[in-house]
């Protein structure tokens, strides 16, 4: 039996983080201690969650993952649910919000790899995301920027950007 099916069975086909039933084809293995941070593929380090949650958590440390969950005082809300992903200014479509949640991990990983060579301005950051995700519509890039703001991965001071959590 594959790890995904085994963990799904053990968790009652529910997402570890939001406790909602996971629709068929939407489950993924989340490594609590990310593989990129030295985590292992052992069951003790793995849970099943929605692909959207997995992408949103990216390769954060265990501490940061649980901090993100705990920030949702009164209960963690899955970004997969309609309307719970931070909309872009003016209200992003559900499609843009889903796209943002799905690709947030890729953007975070890229920004971490850049170290102190991360973009210093919001316009440059927008261009970096557009180059990293060439298929992204402007609305999707806006939604990714909103998720970065909401997760306090970026903070803006005028047109400058700093990265308090990266």
N, C-alpha and C. Protein backbone atom coordinates (compact mmCIF):
# COMPACT_ATOMS: atom_id res chain seq x y z
N UNK A 1 0.86 -1.18 0.00
CA UNK A 1 0.00 0.00 0.00
C UNK A 1 0.90 1.24 0.00
N UNK A 2 0.59 2.19 -0.88
CA UNK A 2 1.39 3.41 -0.98
C UNK A 2 1.16 4.29 0.25
N UNK A 3 2.16 5.12 0.55
CA UNK A 3 2.09 5.98 1.73
C UNK A 3 0.86 6.89 1.70
N UNK A 4 0.55 7.49 0.56
CA UNK A 4 -0.60 8.38 0.46
C UNK A 4 -1.89 7.64 0.83
N UNK A 5 -2.10 6.47 0.27
CA UNK A 5 -3.32 5.71 0.57
C UNK A 5 -3.36 5.28 2.04
N UNK A 6 -2.21 4.86 2.56
CA UNK A 6 -2.15 4.44 3.97
C UNK A 6 -2.48 5.61 4.90
N UNK A 7 -1.88 6.76 4.66
CA UNK A 7 -2.14 7.92 5.51
C UNK A 7 -3.58 8.42 5.35
N UNK A 8 -4.10 8.37 4.14
CA UNK A 8 -5.50 8.75 3.92
C UNK A 8 -6.41 7.85 4.75
N UNK A 9 -6.15 6.57 4.72
CA UNK A 9 -6.95 5.62 5.51
C UNK A 9 -6.85 5.94 7.00
N UNK A 10 -5.63 6.13 7.48
CA UNK A 10 -5.43 6.40 8.91
C UNK A 10 -6.07 7.71 9.36
N UNK A 11 -6.14 8.68 8.46
CA UNK A 11 -6.73 9.98 8.78
C UNK A 11 -8.20 10.06 8.39
N UNK A 12 -8.80 8.96 7.99
CA UNK A 12 -10.22 8.95 7.65
C UNK A 12 -10.54 9.79 6.43
N UNK A 13 -9.61 9.85 5.46
CA UNK A 13 -9.77 10.66 4.25
C UNK A 13 -9.99 12.14 4.55
N UNK A 14 -9.40 12.62 5.64
CA UNK A 14 -9.55 14.02 6.04
C UNK A 14 -8.19 14.72 6.02
N UNK A 15 -8.24 16.01 5.71
CA UNK A 15 -7.04 16.83 5.72
C UNK A 15 -6.55 16.99 7.16
N UNK A 16 -5.27 16.79 7.36
CA UNK A 16 -4.68 16.92 8.69
C UNK A 16 -4.88 18.31 9.28
N UNK A 17 -4.85 19.33 8.44
CA UNK A 17 -4.90 20.71 8.93
C UNK A 17 -6.31 21.26 9.08
N UNK A 18 -7.18 21.02 8.09
CA UNK A 18 -8.52 21.63 8.16
C UNK A 18 -9.59 20.63 8.55
N UNK A 19 -9.27 19.34 8.57
CA UNK A 19 -10.17 18.25 8.97
C UNK A 19 -11.37 18.08 8.04
N UNK A 20 -11.30 18.65 6.83
CA UNK A 20 -12.37 18.44 5.85
C UNK A 20 -12.07 17.19 5.04
N UNK A 21 -13.13 16.56 4.53
CA UNK A 21 -12.96 15.45 3.61
C UNK A 21 -12.15 15.94 2.42
N UNK A 22 -11.23 15.15 1.96
CA UNK A 22 -10.41 15.53 0.81
C UNK A 22 -11.04 14.93 -0.43
N UNK A 23 -11.42 15.78 -1.38
CA UNK A 23 -12.00 15.25 -2.63
C UNK A 23 -11.00 14.35 -3.35
N UNK A 24 -11.52 13.38 -4.11
CA UNK A 24 -10.66 12.48 -4.86
C UNK A 24 -9.71 13.26 -5.76
N UNK A 25 -8.45 12.89 -5.73
CA UNK A 25 -7.45 13.56 -6.56
C UNK A 25 -6.87 14.82 -5.95
N UNK A 26 -7.35 15.24 -4.79
CA UNK A 26 -6.88 16.48 -4.16
C UNK A 26 -5.96 16.23 -2.97
N UNK A 27 -5.67 14.97 -2.66
CA UNK A 27 -4.83 14.65 -1.50
C UNK A 27 -3.36 14.67 -1.87
N UNK A 28 -2.53 15.10 -0.93
CA UNK A 28 -1.08 15.05 -1.13
C UNK A 28 -0.42 14.80 0.21
N UNK A 29 0.77 14.24 0.14
CA UNK A 29 1.55 13.99 1.36
C UNK A 29 2.28 15.27 1.72
N UNK A 30 2.08 15.74 2.94
CA UNK A 30 2.78 16.91 3.46
C UNK A 30 3.85 16.42 4.43
N UNK A 31 5.07 16.80 4.17
CA UNK A 31 6.17 16.46 5.08
C UNK A 31 6.24 17.56 6.13
N UNK A 32 5.94 17.23 7.36
CA UNK A 32 5.92 18.24 8.42
C UNK A 32 7.26 18.95 8.49
N UNK A 33 8.33 18.18 8.51
CA UNK A 33 9.67 18.75 8.38
C UNK A 33 10.02 18.56 6.91
N UNK A 34 9.96 19.64 6.13
CA UNK A 34 10.09 19.57 4.67
C UNK A 34 11.37 18.83 4.25
N UNK A 35 11.26 18.10 3.16
CA UNK A 35 12.42 17.38 2.64
C UNK A 35 13.57 18.35 2.37
N UNK A 36 13.23 19.54 1.89
CA UNK A 36 14.27 20.54 1.59
C UNK A 36 14.94 21.07 2.86
N UNK A 37 14.31 20.82 4.01
CA UNK A 37 14.88 21.24 5.30
C UNK A 37 15.50 20.06 6.04
N UNK A 38 15.69 18.93 5.35
CA UNK A 38 16.31 17.77 5.96
C UNK A 38 15.31 16.74 6.48
N UNK A 39 14.02 16.96 6.27
CA UNK A 39 13.01 16.00 6.71
C UNK A 39 13.09 14.70 5.93
N UNK A 40 12.46 13.67 6.50
CA UNK A 40 12.50 12.35 5.86
C UNK A 40 11.12 11.93 5.40
N UNK A 41 11.06 10.90 4.57
CA UNK A 41 9.80 10.40 4.02
C UNK A 41 9.14 9.37 4.94
N UNK A 42 9.47 9.39 6.20
CA UNK A 42 8.91 8.45 7.17
C UNK A 42 7.49 8.86 7.54
N UNK A 43 6.64 7.87 7.88
CA UNK A 43 5.26 8.16 8.29
C UNK A 43 5.20 9.13 9.47
N UNK A 44 6.17 9.08 10.35
CA UNK A 44 6.18 9.97 11.52
C UNK A 44 6.31 11.43 11.12
N UNK A 45 6.84 11.68 9.93
CA UNK A 45 7.06 13.04 9.44
C UNK A 45 6.01 13.46 8.40
N UNK A 46 5.07 12.57 8.10
CA UNK A 46 4.15 12.82 7.00
C UNK A 46 2.69 12.81 7.45
N UNK A 47 1.91 13.67 6.83
CA UNK A 47 0.46 13.69 7.00
C UNK A 47 -0.13 13.91 5.62
N UNK A 48 -1.43 13.68 5.50
CA UNK A 48 -2.11 13.95 4.25
C UNK A 48 -2.90 15.23 4.41
N UNK A 49 -2.83 16.07 3.39
CA UNK A 49 -3.61 17.30 3.39
C UNK A 49 -4.03 17.60 1.97
N UNK A 50 -4.84 18.62 1.82
CA UNK A 50 -5.28 19.07 0.51
C UNK A 50 -4.07 19.61 -0.24
N UNK A 51 -4.05 19.45 -1.55
CA UNK A 51 -2.95 19.98 -2.36
C UNK A 51 -2.79 21.49 -2.15
N UNK A 52 -3.92 22.17 -1.96
CA UNK A 52 -3.88 23.62 -1.78
C UNK A 52 -3.15 23.99 -0.50
N UNK A 53 -3.44 23.27 0.59
CA UNK A 53 -2.77 23.54 1.86
C UNK A 53 -1.28 23.22 1.74
N UNK A 54 -0.97 22.10 1.10
CA UNK A 54 0.42 21.69 0.92
C UNK A 54 1.20 22.77 0.17
N UNK A 55 0.60 23.29 -0.90
CA UNK A 55 1.27 24.34 -1.69
C UNK A 55 1.44 25.61 -0.87
N UNK A 56 0.43 25.95 -0.08
CA UNK A 56 0.50 27.18 0.72
C UNK A 56 1.58 27.08 1.79
N UNK A 57 1.75 25.89 2.37
CA UNK A 57 2.74 25.73 3.43
C UNK A 57 4.15 25.58 2.88
N UNK A 58 4.25 25.14 1.64
CA UNK A 58 5.55 25.05 0.98
C UNK A 58 6.58 24.32 1.82
N UNK A 59 7.77 24.87 1.90
CA UNK A 59 8.85 24.24 2.65
C UNK A 59 9.15 24.99 3.96
N UNK A 60 8.08 25.52 4.55
CA UNK A 60 8.24 26.18 5.85
C UNK A 60 8.73 25.18 6.89
N UNK A 61 9.33 25.67 7.94
CA UNK A 61 9.73 24.79 9.04
C UNK A 61 8.47 24.30 9.75
N UNK A 62 8.59 23.25 10.53
CA UNK A 62 7.45 22.73 11.30
C UNK A 62 6.85 23.85 12.15
N UNK A 63 7.71 24.60 12.80
CA UNK A 63 7.26 25.69 13.66
C UNK A 63 6.42 26.69 12.88
N UNK A 64 6.90 27.09 11.69
CA UNK A 64 6.18 28.07 10.88
C UNK A 64 4.87 27.50 10.34
N UNK A 65 4.84 26.22 10.01
CA UNK A 65 3.59 25.60 9.54
C UNK A 65 2.53 25.66 10.63
N UNK A 66 2.90 25.29 11.83
CA UNK A 66 1.91 25.30 12.90
C UNK A 66 1.57 26.73 13.31
N UNK A 67 2.50 27.63 13.20
CA UNK A 67 2.19 29.03 13.47
C UNK A 67 1.15 29.53 12.47
N UNK A 68 1.29 29.16 11.20
CA UNK A 68 0.31 29.56 10.18
C UNK A 68 -1.07 29.02 10.52
N UNK A 69 -1.13 27.77 10.99
CA UNK A 69 -2.42 27.17 11.36
C UNK A 69 -2.99 27.87 12.59
N UNK A 70 -2.16 28.13 13.57
CA UNK A 70 -2.63 28.75 14.82
C UNK A 70 -3.07 30.20 14.63
N UNK A 71 -2.56 30.86 13.60
CA UNK A 71 -2.98 32.24 13.33
C UNK A 71 -4.46 32.34 13.00
N UNK A 72 -5.04 31.25 12.57
CA UNK A 72 -6.46 31.21 12.23
C UNK A 72 -7.25 30.97 13.52
N UNK A 73 -7.25 31.94 14.36
CA UNK A 73 -7.92 31.82 15.65
C UNK A 73 -9.37 31.41 15.44
N UNK A 74 -9.82 30.43 16.19
CA UNK A 74 -11.18 29.95 16.03
C UNK A 74 -11.29 28.84 15.01
N UNK A 75 -10.18 28.39 14.46
CA UNK A 75 -10.19 27.26 13.55
C UNK A 75 -9.53 27.55 12.23
N UNK A 76 -8.72 26.64 11.79
CA UNK A 76 -8.02 26.75 10.53
C UNK A 76 -9.02 26.61 9.39
N UNK A 77 -8.99 27.53 8.46
CA UNK A 77 -9.87 27.48 7.30
C UNK A 77 -9.05 27.10 6.08
N UNK A 78 -9.47 26.06 5.41
CA UNK A 78 -8.75 25.58 4.24
C UNK A 78 -8.86 26.58 3.10
N UNK A 79 -7.73 26.95 2.47
CA UNK A 79 -7.80 27.88 1.35
C UNK A 79 -8.52 27.28 0.14
N UNK A 80 -8.75 25.97 0.15
CA UNK A 80 -9.46 25.31 -0.93
C UNK A 80 -10.94 25.70 -0.94
N UNK A 81 -11.46 26.06 0.24
CA UNK A 81 -12.85 26.45 0.32
C UNK A 81 -13.08 27.77 -0.38
N UNK A 82 -14.17 27.90 -1.04
CA UNK A 82 -14.47 29.12 -1.81
C UNK A 82 -14.39 30.34 -0.93
N UNK A 83 -13.65 31.33 -1.43
CA UNK A 83 -13.60 32.62 -0.76
C UNK A 83 -12.66 32.72 0.41
N UNK A 84 -11.88 31.68 0.74
CA UNK A 84 -11.02 31.79 1.90
C UNK A 84 -9.58 32.12 1.55
N UNK A 85 -9.21 32.02 0.28
CA UNK A 85 -7.87 32.46 -0.11
C UNK A 85 -7.93 33.97 -0.23
N UNK A 86 -6.93 34.64 0.25
CA UNK A 86 -6.94 36.10 0.23
C UNK A 86 -7.13 36.61 -1.18
N UNK A 87 -8.18 37.38 -1.42
CA UNK A 87 -8.39 37.91 -2.76
C UNK A 87 -7.46 39.08 -3.04
N UNK A 88 -7.16 39.28 -4.28
CA UNK A 88 -6.34 40.43 -4.66
C UNK A 88 -7.18 41.68 -4.51
N UNK A 89 -6.51 42.82 -4.49
CA UNK A 89 -7.22 44.08 -4.39
C UNK A 89 -8.28 44.13 -5.48
N UNK A 90 -9.48 44.50 -5.12
CA UNK A 90 -10.56 44.50 -6.07
C UNK A 90 -11.26 43.16 -6.14
N UNK A 91 -10.76 42.14 -5.44
CA UNK A 91 -11.41 40.85 -5.38
C UNK A 91 -10.98 39.93 -6.51
N UNK A 92 -10.06 39.03 -6.22
CA UNK A 92 -9.61 38.09 -7.23
C UNK A 92 -10.68 37.04 -7.47
N UNK A 93 -10.69 36.51 -8.66
CA UNK A 93 -11.61 35.43 -8.97
C UNK A 93 -11.19 34.19 -8.19
N UNK A 94 -12.11 33.25 -8.06
CA UNK A 94 -11.78 31.99 -7.39
C UNK A 94 -10.64 31.29 -8.14
N UNK A 95 -10.63 31.42 -9.47
CA UNK A 95 -9.57 30.81 -10.28
C UNK A 95 -8.20 31.40 -9.92
N UNK A 96 -8.13 32.73 -9.80
CA UNK A 96 -6.86 33.38 -9.45
C UNK A 96 -6.44 33.00 -8.04
N UNK A 97 -7.39 32.93 -7.13
CA UNK A 97 -7.09 32.54 -5.75
C UNK A 97 -6.58 31.12 -5.67
N UNK A 98 -7.21 30.21 -6.42
CA UNK A 98 -6.75 28.82 -6.45
C UNK A 98 -5.36 28.73 -7.05
N UNK A 99 -5.13 29.48 -8.11
CA UNK A 99 -3.81 29.50 -8.76
C UNK A 99 -2.76 29.97 -7.76
N UNK A 100 -3.07 31.03 -7.04
CA UNK A 100 -2.13 31.59 -6.07
C UNK A 100 -1.79 30.58 -4.98
N UNK A 101 -2.81 29.93 -4.43
CA UNK A 101 -2.58 28.95 -3.38
C UNK A 101 -1.74 27.78 -3.89
N UNK A 102 -1.99 27.39 -5.14
CA UNK A 102 -1.27 26.26 -5.73
C UNK A 102 0.20 26.59 -5.98
N UNK A 103 0.51 27.85 -6.28
CA UNK A 103 1.88 28.22 -6.67
C UNK A 103 2.66 29.00 -5.60
N UNK A 104 2.03 29.25 -4.47
CA UNK A 104 2.71 30.00 -3.41
C UNK A 104 4.00 29.32 -2.97
N UNK A 105 3.97 28.01 -2.80
CA UNK A 105 5.17 27.27 -2.37
C UNK A 105 6.33 27.44 -3.33
N UNK A 106 6.05 27.44 -4.62
CA UNK A 106 7.09 27.63 -5.64
C UNK A 106 7.73 29.00 -5.51
N UNK A 107 6.89 30.02 -5.30
CA UNK A 107 7.40 31.39 -5.16
C UNK A 107 8.23 31.51 -3.89
N UNK A 108 7.73 30.96 -2.78
CA UNK A 108 8.48 31.03 -1.51
C UNK A 108 9.82 30.33 -1.63
N UNK A 109 9.83 29.16 -2.25
CA UNK A 109 11.08 28.42 -2.41
C UNK A 109 12.08 29.23 -3.23
N UNK A 110 11.61 29.86 -4.31
CA UNK A 110 12.48 30.68 -5.14
C UNK A 110 13.04 31.86 -4.35
N UNK A 111 12.19 32.52 -3.58
CA UNK A 111 12.65 33.67 -2.80
C UNK A 111 13.66 33.25 -1.73
N UNK A 112 13.45 32.08 -1.12
CA UNK A 112 14.41 31.60 -0.12
C UNK A 112 15.77 31.33 -0.76
N UNK A 113 15.75 30.73 -1.94
CA UNK A 113 17.02 30.42 -2.63
C UNK A 113 17.79 31.69 -2.99
N UNK A 114 17.09 32.78 -3.20
CA UNK A 114 17.74 34.03 -3.59
C UNK A 114 18.49 34.68 -2.44
N UNK A 115 18.17 34.29 -1.20
CA UNK A 115 18.86 34.85 -0.05
C UNK A 115 18.78 36.37 -0.02
N UNK A 116 19.92 37.04 0.15
CA UNK A 116 19.90 38.50 0.22
C UNK A 116 19.88 39.16 -1.17
N UNK A 117 19.63 38.35 -2.20
CA UNK A 117 19.48 38.89 -3.56
C UNK A 117 18.00 38.90 -3.98
N UNK A 118 17.12 38.93 -2.98
CA UNK A 118 15.69 39.02 -3.27
C UNK A 118 15.36 40.41 -3.80
N UNK A 119 14.29 40.51 -4.60
CA UNK A 119 13.90 41.82 -5.12
C UNK A 119 13.67 42.83 -4.00
N UNK A 120 14.13 44.04 -4.23
CA UNK A 120 14.01 45.11 -3.21
C UNK A 120 12.75 45.95 -3.39
N UNK A 121 12.12 45.86 -4.55
CA UNK A 121 10.92 46.65 -4.81
C UNK A 121 9.75 45.77 -5.20
N UNK A 122 8.54 46.25 -4.99
CA UNK A 122 7.34 45.47 -5.30
C UNK A 122 7.22 45.23 -6.80
N UNK A 123 7.58 46.21 -7.62
CA UNK A 123 7.50 46.03 -9.07
C UNK A 123 8.47 44.94 -9.53
N UNK A 124 9.67 44.92 -8.96
CA UNK A 124 10.65 43.90 -9.30
C UNK A 124 10.19 42.53 -8.84
N UNK A 125 9.60 42.46 -7.64
CA UNK A 125 9.06 41.20 -7.13
C UNK A 125 7.96 40.68 -8.06
N UNK A 126 7.10 41.58 -8.51
CA UNK A 126 6.04 41.19 -9.46
C UNK A 126 6.67 40.61 -10.73
N UNK A 127 7.75 41.23 -11.23
CA UNK A 127 8.43 40.73 -12.43
C UNK A 127 9.09 39.38 -12.20
N UNK A 128 9.65 39.18 -11.01
CA UNK A 128 10.27 37.89 -10.68
C UNK A 128 9.21 36.79 -10.69
N UNK A 129 8.06 37.07 -10.09
CA UNK A 129 6.98 36.07 -10.06
C UNK A 129 6.50 35.78 -11.49
N UNK A 130 6.36 36.83 -12.31
CA UNK A 130 5.93 36.65 -13.70
C UNK A 130 6.93 35.80 -14.48
N UNK A 131 8.23 35.99 -14.23
CA UNK A 131 9.25 35.20 -14.92
C UNK A 131 9.25 33.75 -14.42
N UNK A 132 9.02 33.56 -13.13
CA UNK A 132 8.99 32.23 -12.54
C UNK A 132 7.76 31.45 -12.99
N UNK A 133 6.65 32.15 -13.16
CA UNK A 133 5.37 31.54 -13.55
C UNK A 133 4.86 32.22 -14.82
N UNK A 134 5.48 31.94 -15.97
CA UNK A 134 5.13 32.67 -17.19
C UNK A 134 3.68 32.52 -17.62
N UNK A 135 3.01 31.48 -17.17
CA UNK A 135 1.61 31.28 -17.54
C UNK A 135 0.66 32.08 -16.64
N UNK A 136 1.18 32.74 -15.62
CA UNK A 136 0.35 33.45 -14.65
C UNK A 136 -0.27 34.70 -15.26
N UNK A 137 -1.57 34.83 -15.06
CA UNK A 137 -2.26 36.06 -15.45
C UNK A 137 -1.94 37.14 -14.42
N UNK A 138 -2.06 38.41 -14.77
CA UNK A 138 -1.81 39.48 -13.79
C UNK A 138 -2.65 39.31 -12.51
N UNK A 139 -3.88 38.85 -12.64
CA UNK A 139 -4.73 38.63 -11.46
C UNK A 139 -4.15 37.54 -10.55
N UNK A 140 -3.56 36.50 -11.15
CA UNK A 140 -2.92 35.44 -10.37
C UNK A 140 -1.70 35.95 -9.63
N UNK A 141 -0.92 36.81 -10.28
CA UNK A 141 0.26 37.40 -9.62
C UNK A 141 -0.19 38.29 -8.47
N UNK A 142 -1.25 39.07 -8.67
CA UNK A 142 -1.79 39.90 -7.59
C UNK A 142 -2.22 39.04 -6.41
N UNK A 143 -2.87 37.91 -6.70
CA UNK A 143 -3.34 37.02 -5.64
C UNK A 143 -2.16 36.40 -4.89
N UNK A 144 -1.07 36.07 -5.61
CA UNK A 144 0.13 35.54 -4.94
C UNK A 144 0.73 36.61 -4.04
N UNK A 145 0.81 37.84 -4.52
CA UNK A 145 1.33 38.94 -3.69
C UNK A 145 0.47 39.12 -2.44
N UNK A 146 -0.84 39.00 -2.58
CA UNK A 146 -1.72 39.11 -1.41
C UNK A 146 -1.46 38.00 -0.41
N UNK A 147 -1.22 36.77 -0.89
CA UNK A 147 -0.91 35.67 0.02
C UNK A 147 0.42 35.91 0.72
N UNK A 148 1.39 36.45 -0.01
CA UNK A 148 2.69 36.77 0.61
C UNK A 148 2.52 37.82 1.70
N UNK A 149 1.67 38.81 1.44
CA UNK A 149 1.40 39.85 2.46
C UNK A 149 0.68 39.26 3.66
N UNK A 150 -0.38 38.50 3.39
CA UNK A 150 -1.19 37.93 4.47
C UNK A 150 -0.37 37.01 5.37
N UNK A 151 0.52 36.24 4.75
CA UNK A 151 1.37 35.33 5.52
C UNK A 151 2.57 36.02 6.13
N UNK A 152 2.65 37.31 6.00
CA UNK A 152 3.76 38.15 6.47
C UNK A 152 5.12 37.67 5.94
N UNK A 153 5.11 37.10 4.72
CA UNK A 153 6.37 36.75 4.07
C UNK A 153 7.01 38.00 3.51
N UNK A 154 6.16 38.97 3.14
CA UNK A 154 6.68 40.25 2.67
C UNK A 154 6.02 41.37 3.46
N UNK A 155 6.73 42.45 3.59
CA UNK A 155 6.19 43.68 4.17
C UNK A 155 6.64 44.81 3.27
N UNK A 156 5.72 45.72 3.01
CA UNK A 156 6.02 46.82 2.10
C UNK A 156 6.19 48.11 2.87
N UNK A 157 7.18 48.85 2.48
CA UNK A 157 7.43 50.19 3.02
C UNK A 157 7.53 51.10 1.81
N UNK A 158 6.42 51.72 1.46
CA UNK A 158 6.37 52.48 0.21
C UNK A 158 6.44 51.51 -0.95
N UNK A 159 7.44 51.70 -1.82
CA UNK A 159 7.62 50.78 -2.95
C UNK A 159 8.69 49.73 -2.65
N UNK A 160 9.25 49.78 -1.44
CA UNK A 160 10.28 48.81 -1.04
C UNK A 160 9.63 47.60 -0.40
N UNK A 161 10.33 46.48 -0.50
CA UNK A 161 9.85 45.22 0.07
C UNK A 161 10.92 44.65 1.00
N UNK A 162 10.47 44.14 2.14
CA UNK A 162 11.37 43.38 3.01
C UNK A 162 10.72 42.03 3.25
N UNK A 163 11.50 41.09 3.75
CA UNK A 163 11.08 39.70 3.87
C UNK A 163 11.26 39.22 5.31
N UNK A 164 10.32 39.57 6.20
CA UNK A 164 10.50 39.26 7.62
C UNK A 164 10.52 37.76 7.96
N UNK A 165 9.94 36.92 7.11
CA UNK A 165 9.86 35.49 7.45
C UNK A 165 10.70 34.61 6.55
N UNK A 166 11.51 35.19 5.70
CA UNK A 166 12.31 34.35 4.79
C UNK A 166 13.78 34.45 5.09
